[in-house]
Amino acid sequence: MKFKLVVVGKIKEDFYRQAIAEYTKRLSRFATTEIVEVEECFFNREPNKAQIDKIMETEAKAILAKAEGCLVALDIDGKLLDSVQISKYIDEQKQNYSTFTFIIGGSNGLHPTVKSKCNLRLSFGKITLPHQLCRVVLCEQLYRACTISANTPYHK
């Protein structure tokens, strides 16, 4: 099984990189993990709605070019699942897919074309997480899902 994270932008802070590295190391017992960063698009000044749409469309093309298998978008308006439900979803879907692509959009969100192509839109709640922290939470939840599935004592 493979987890592929297709994310917009780069990790800037070391402590986020270290946390992600720790969870991907732990995940290696259960699956391979690949993180693909696509370039975040910017305008030099405050963008208007048309420019934001163009940014999201450009990012969407880059995201979809890297996506494969079962596509899961992180989306504040997506489905709320607890850790056990995430584990069950992965277990059910791995009957059909060997790769799971988890998508985290840029600061403007995800273009509707990305959302429409996803098998699941997953929400971690109504709070807004910084994109870098969202990656850490996602990696931890993937590790937790795998430990639940393997019936190991990490999940309590």
Protein backbone atom coordinates (compact mmCIF):
# COMPACT_ATOMS: atom_id res chain seq x y z
CA MET A 1 0.00 0.00 0.00
CA LYS A 2 1.17 3.51 -0.75
CA PHE A 3 0.14 6.86 0.70
CA LYS A 4 0.88 9.78 -1.55
CA LEU A 5 0.41 13.31 -0.23
CA VAL A 6 0.03 15.89 -2.97
CA VAL A 7 0.30 19.25 -1.29
CA VAL A 8 0.52 22.85 -2.39
CA GLY A 9 3.55 24.74 -1.09
CA LYS A 10 6.63 23.89 0.91
CA ILE A 11 7.26 23.28 4.60
CA LYS A 12 9.17 26.23 6.01
CA GLU A 13 9.64 25.39 9.70
CA ASP A 14 11.98 22.65 10.89
CA PHE A 15 9.66 21.45 13.66
CA TYR A 16 6.94 20.63 11.09
CA ARG A 17 9.49 18.80 8.92
CA GLN A 18 10.65 16.81 11.95
CA ALA A 19 7.11 15.83 12.94
CA ILE A 20 6.27 14.76 9.37
CA ALA A 21 9.52 12.78 9.17
CA GLU A 22 8.72 11.00 12.43
CA TYR A 23 5.24 9.94 11.32
CA THR A 24 6.37 8.89 7.85
CA LYS A 25 9.10 6.80 9.50
CA ARG A 26 6.48 5.15 11.71
CA LEU A 27 4.20 4.65 8.71
CA SER A 28 6.94 2.77 6.86
CA ARG A 29 5.99 -0.37 8.84
CA PHE A 30 2.64 -0.35 7.05
CA ALA A 31 2.96 1.53 3.77
CA THR A 32 5.29 3.57 1.63
CA THR A 33 4.72 7.30 1.87
CA GLU A 34 5.54 9.88 -0.76
CA ILE A 35 5.11 13.62 -0.36
CA VAL A 36 4.81 15.61 -3.59
CA GLU A 37 4.89 19.39 -3.26
CA VAL A 38 3.41 21.42 -6.08
CA GLU A 39 4.19 25.08 -6.45
CA GLU A 40 1.91 27.55 -4.73
CA CYS A 41 0.81 30.37 -7.04
CA PHE A 42 0.85 33.99 -5.90
CA PHE A 43 0.06 37.47 -7.17
CA ASN A 44 2.27 40.42 -6.18
CA ARG A 45 -0.69 42.33 -4.81
CA GLU A 46 -4.03 41.40 -3.25
CA PRO A 47 -5.71 39.20 -5.88
CA ASN A 48 -9.30 39.71 -6.98
CA LYS A 49 -11.80 36.85 -7.38
CA ALA A 50 -10.86 36.16 -11.01
CA GLN A 51 -7.17 35.98 -10.09
CA ILE A 52 -7.90 33.65 -7.16
CA ASP A 53 -9.88 31.39 -9.49
CA LYS A 54 -6.92 31.37 -11.90
CA ILE A 55 -4.53 30.53 -9.05
CA MET A 56 -6.74 27.65 -7.92
CA GLU A 57 -7.12 26.39 -11.50
CA THR A 58 -3.35 26.41 -12.05
CA GLU A 59 -2.75 24.59 -8.77
CA ALA A 60 -5.53 22.09 -9.64
CA LYS A 61 -3.80 21.12 -12.89
CA ALA A 62 -0.54 20.49 -11.03
CA ILE A 63 -2.32 18.51 -8.29
CA LEU A 64 -4.29 16.31 -10.67
CA ALA A 65 -1.18 15.58 -12.74
CA LYS A 66 0.36 13.97 -9.65
CA ALA A 67 -2.76 12.27 -8.22
CA GLU A 68 -3.38 8.54 -8.57
CA GLY A 69 -5.46 5.77 -7.04
CA CYS A 70 -8.06 6.62 -4.42
CA LEU A 71 -8.19 10.42 -4.17
CA VAL A 72 -8.96 12.04 -0.81
CA ALA A 73 -9.13 15.83 -0.56
CA LEU A 74 -8.71 17.58 2.77
CA ASP A 75 -11.63 19.99 2.76
CA ILE A 76 -13.17 21.94 5.63
CA ASP A 77 -16.61 21.22 4.11
CA GLY A 78 -15.86 17.51 3.68
CA LYS A 79 -17.04 14.52 5.66
CA LEU A 80 -16.14 14.33 9.33
CA LEU A 81 -14.69 10.92 10.18
CA ASP A 82 -13.15 9.81 13.44
CA SER A 83 -9.88 7.85 13.45
CA VAL A 84 -11.60 4.45 13.46
CA GLN A 85 -13.77 5.48 10.51
CA ILE A 86 -10.69 6.68 8.58
CA SER A 87 -9.06 3.31 9.24
CA LYS A 88 -12.17 1.45 8.05
CA TYR A 89 -12.39 3.63 4.93
CA ILE A 90 -8.79 2.83 4.00
CA ASP A 91 -9.34 -0.89 4.70
CA GLU A 92 -12.44 -0.94 2.50
CA GLN A 93 -10.84 1.03 -0.33
CA LYS A 94 -7.60 -0.97 -0.39
CA GLN A 95 -9.65 -3.79 -1.91
CA ASN A 96 -9.76 -1.62 -5.05
CA TYR A 97 -6.72 0.66 -4.74
CA SER A 98 -3.08 0.16 -3.83
CA THR A 99 -2.37 3.91 -3.77
CA PHE A 100 -4.16 6.57 -1.75
CA THR A 101 -3.53 10.18 -2.73
CA PHE A 102 -4.33 12.73 -0.04
CA ILE A 103 -4.60 16.28 -1.35
CA ILE A 104 -4.02 19.48 0.62
CA GLY A 105 -4.68 22.65 -1.34
CA GLY A 106 -3.10 26.07 -1.11
CA SER A 107 -4.16 29.06 0.95
CA ASN A 108 -7.07 29.73 -1.41
CA GLY A 109 -8.42 26.19 -1.11
CA LEU A 110 -9.06 23.57 -3.76
CA HIS A 111 -10.55 24.20 -7.17
CA PRO A 112 -13.92 22.46 -7.76
CA THR A 113 -12.35 20.24 -10.45
CA VAL A 114 -10.12 18.64 -7.82
CA LYS A 115 -12.98 18.18 -5.37
CA SER A 116 -15.18 16.61 -8.04
CA LYS A 117 -12.55 13.99 -8.94
CA CYS A 118 -12.05 12.83 -5.35
CA ASN A 119 -13.44 9.63 -3.91
CA LEU A 120 -13.74 11.35 -0.52
CA ARG A 121 -13.59 14.90 0.78
CA LEU A 122 -12.33 14.59 4.36
CA SER A 123 -12.61 17.25 7.04
CA PHE A 124 -10.62 17.47 10.25
CA GLY A 125 -13.29 19.81 11.65
CA LYS A 126 -14.53 23.34 11.15
CA ILE A 127 -11.30 24.91 12.36
CA THR A 128 -8.83 26.29 9.86
CA LEU A 129 -5.44 24.61 10.13
CA PRO A 130 -2.30 26.10 8.66
CA HIS A 131 -1.39 23.95 5.65
CA GLN A 132 1.88 22.88 7.25
CA LEU A 133 0.16 21.74 10.45
CA CYS A 134 -2.51 19.98 8.38
CA ARG A 135 0.24 17.82 6.88
CA VAL A 136 1.43 16.81 10.35
CA VAL A 137 -2.12 15.96 11.46
CA LEU A 138 -2.73 13.98 8.27
CA CYS A 139 0.49 11.97 8.70
CA GLU A 140 -0.41 11.24 12.31
CA GLN A 141 -3.93 10.16 11.36
CA LEU A 142 -2.63 7.87 8.62
CA TYR A 143 -0.27 6.27 11.12
CA ARG A 144 -3.11 5.95 13.63
CA ALA A 145 -5.38 4.41 10.97
CA CYS A 146 -2.72 1.81 10.18
CA THR A 147 -2.21 0.93 13.84
CA ILE A 148 -5.96 0.55 14.30
CA SER A 149 -6.10 -1.75 11.30
CA ALA A 150 -3.13 -3.77 12.57
CA ASN A 151 -4.62 -3.87 16.09
CA THR A 152 -1.47 -2.42 17.68
CA PRO A 153 -1.59 -0.47 20.96
CA TYR A 154 -0.90 3.07 19.62
CA HIS A 155 -4.60 3.99 19.30
CA LYS A 156 -6.46 4.36 22.62
